[in-house]
């Protein structure tokens, strides 16, 4: 051991020597996945859009693009929105799937997820209920 090495070992422990395995081409941000809960989806759309959607009787539904607001995954905490909406996101948690599971059949939507330009659209439960009532009339 040289003199500077003794000093380094004293104050910077573990500086010299081989430690752990080397991982070539490590991509550190592969697991980067910002999330948003169901109860926070309303914040992602402007208030004017909500006012227009409630006034509009033609059935125009606001589209919430979660990826555009820098979130990739929708989590199932909270309740679904009372207003019918269409949510676009890359990933949906198991709880969100469970909350929307029973309303898929017979609603005019073959599955809960539809591909849309590399993203997926998930139709909200209220949207399906509203369509069922319109079909019965």
Protein backbone atom coordinates (compact mmCIF):
# COMPACT_ATOMS: atom_id res chain seq x y z
CA UNK A 1 0.00 0.00 0.00
CA UNK A 2 1.32 3.42 -0.91
CA UNK A 3 1.04 6.36 1.46
CA UNK A 4 -1.89 8.07 -0.26
CA UNK A 5 -3.75 4.77 -0.34
CA UNK A 6 -3.52 4.44 3.46
CA UNK A 7 -5.00 7.90 3.86
CA UNK A 8 -7.78 7.11 1.36
CA UNK A 9 -8.61 3.84 3.09
CA UNK A 10 -8.82 5.68 6.39
CA UNK A 11 -11.27 8.38 5.27
CA UNK A 12 -12.91 6.84 2.15
CA UNK A 13 -13.67 3.26 3.06
CA UNK A 14 -14.21 0.90 0.13
CA UNK A 15 -12.65 3.18 -2.49
CA UNK A 16 -10.11 0.55 -3.60
CA UNK A 17 -10.95 -3.00 -4.58
CA UNK A 18 -13.65 -4.84 -6.46
CA UNK A 19 -17.15 -4.65 -5.06
CA UNK A 20 -20.34 -6.28 -6.42
CA UNK A 21 -21.11 -7.32 -10.00
CA UNK A 22 -20.81 -4.98 -12.94
CA UNK A 23 -23.99 -4.51 -14.96
CA UNK A 24 -23.23 -3.46 -18.53
CA UNK A 25 -25.73 -1.24 -20.37
CA UNK A 26 -27.73 -0.59 -17.21
CA UNK A 27 -30.90 1.36 -17.95
CA UNK A 28 -31.87 2.94 -14.67
CA UNK A 29 -35.16 4.53 -15.71
CA UNK A 30 -36.93 1.42 -17.01
CA UNK A 31 -39.07 1.23 -13.90
CA UNK A 32 -40.05 4.92 -14.07
CA UNK A 33 -43.85 4.96 -13.87
CA UNK A 34 -45.55 8.02 -12.33
CA UNK A 35 -49.08 7.20 -11.15
CA UNK A 36 -52.38 8.95 -10.53
CA UNK A 37 -55.42 7.74 -8.56
CA UNK A 38 -59.01 7.57 -9.81
CA UNK A 39 -60.10 10.30 -7.42
CA UNK A 40 -57.51 12.73 -8.88
CA UNK A 41 -58.54 12.31 -12.53
CA UNK A 42 -60.89 15.28 -12.36
CA UNK A 43 -57.95 17.64 -11.74
CA UNK A 44 -56.29 16.63 -15.03
CA UNK A 45 -59.05 18.25 -17.12
CA UNK A 46 -59.92 21.96 -17.03
CA UNK A 47 -63.05 23.13 -15.22
CA UNK A 48 -64.45 24.57 -18.46
CA UNK A 49 -64.40 21.10 -20.04
CA UNK A 50 -66.44 19.71 -17.14
CA UNK A 51 -68.98 22.54 -17.39
CA UNK A 52 -69.37 21.97 -21.14
CA UNK A 53 -69.77 18.21 -20.64
CA UNK A 54 -72.54 18.63 -18.05
CA UNK A 55 -74.43 21.16 -20.21
CA UNK A 56 -74.07 19.17 -23.42
CA UNK A 57 -77.04 16.88 -24.05
CA UNK A 58 -75.65 15.26 -27.22
CA UNK A 59 -73.55 12.81 -25.24
CA UNK A 60 -70.12 14.34 -25.82
CA UNK A 61 -67.80 12.80 -23.25
CA UNK A 62 -64.62 14.46 -21.94
CA UNK A 63 -61.43 12.54 -22.73
CA UNK A 64 -58.78 12.49 -20.00
CA UNK A 65 -55.33 11.82 -21.45
CA UNK A 66 -53.28 10.75 -18.43
CA UNK A 67 -50.03 10.42 -20.43
CA UNK A 68 -50.29 14.03 -21.59
CA UNK A 69 -50.19 15.13 -17.95
CA UNK A 70 -47.01 13.06 -17.39
CA UNK A 71 -48.61 10.08 -15.63
CA UNK A 72 -48.35 6.55 -17.01
CA UNK A 73 -50.48 4.44 -14.69
CA UNK A 74 -53.98 4.83 -13.21
CA UNK A 75 -54.43 3.38 -9.73
CA UNK A 76 -57.73 2.33 -8.16
CA UNK A 77 -57.82 4.47 -5.01
CA UNK A 78 -61.03 6.44 -4.67
CA UNK A 79 -64.36 6.24 -6.46
CA UNK A 80 -65.14 6.52 -10.13
CA UNK A 81 -66.22 9.89 -11.43
CA UNK A 82 -69.95 10.54 -11.58
CA UNK A 83 -69.48 12.21 -14.94
CA UNK A 84 -69.00 9.78 -17.86
CA UNK A 85 -65.41 10.01 -19.11
CA UNK A 86 -62.92 8.22 -21.33
CA UNK A 87 -59.48 7.74 -19.77
CA UNK A 88 -56.37 7.24 -21.94
CA UNK A 89 -53.37 5.71 -20.19
CA UNK A 90 -50.56 3.22 -20.76
CA UNK A 91 -51.22 1.09 -17.67
CA UNK A 92 -54.16 0.40 -15.36
CA UNK A 93 -53.94 -1.33 -11.99
CA UNK A 94 -55.85 -4.46 -11.02
CA UNK A 95 -58.27 -2.47 -8.85
CA UNK A 96 -59.22 -0.20 -11.73
CA UNK A 97 -59.87 -3.32 -13.81
CA UNK A 98 -62.07 -4.73 -11.03
CA UNK A 99 -64.06 -1.51 -10.71
CA UNK A 100 -64.82 -1.53 -14.43
CA UNK A 101 -65.12 -5.30 -14.84
CA UNK A 102 -68.87 -5.85 -14.45
CA UNK A 103 -69.96 -3.12 -16.84
CA UNK A 104 -68.11 -4.32 -19.93
CA UNK A 105 -70.63 -6.82 -21.24
CA UNK A 106 -73.48 -5.57 -23.41
CA UNK A 107 -72.35 -1.99 -23.40
CA UNK A 108 -71.34 -1.61 -27.03
CA UNK A 109 -67.67 -1.83 -26.13
CA UNK A 110 -66.17 -5.31 -26.82
CA UNK A 111 -63.48 -5.00 -24.14
CA UNK A 112 -62.39 -2.62 -21.45
CA UNK A 113 -59.23 -1.65 -23.33
CA UNK A 114 -59.09 -0.41 -26.90
CA UNK A 115 -55.80 0.39 -28.66
CA UNK A 116 -55.57 4.04 -29.65
CA UNK A 117 -52.33 5.34 -31.13
CA UNK A 118 -49.99 3.35 -28.91
CA UNK A 119 -52.03 4.16 -25.81
CA UNK A 120 -55.12 2.50 -24.42
CA UNK A 121 -58.57 3.89 -23.79
CA UNK A 122 -60.53 2.69 -20.81
CA UNK A 123 -64.19 3.55 -20.80
CA UNK A 124 -65.65 4.61 -17.48
CA UNK A 125 -68.39 2.70 -15.68
CA UNK A 126 -70.83 5.60 -15.83
CA UNK A 127 -70.41 5.80 -19.60
CA UNK A 128 -71.51 2.19 -19.93
CA UNK A 129 -74.48 2.60 -17.57
CA UNK A 130 -75.67 5.63 -19.50
CA UNK A 131 -75.47 3.74 -22.80
CA UNK A 132 -77.46 0.82 -21.34
CA UNK A 133 -80.26 3.14 -20.22
CA UNK A 134 -80.41 4.73 -23.67
CA UNK A 135 -80.69 1.30 -25.33
CA UNK A 136 -83.56 0.28 -23.04
CA UNK A 137 -85.58 3.37 -24.04
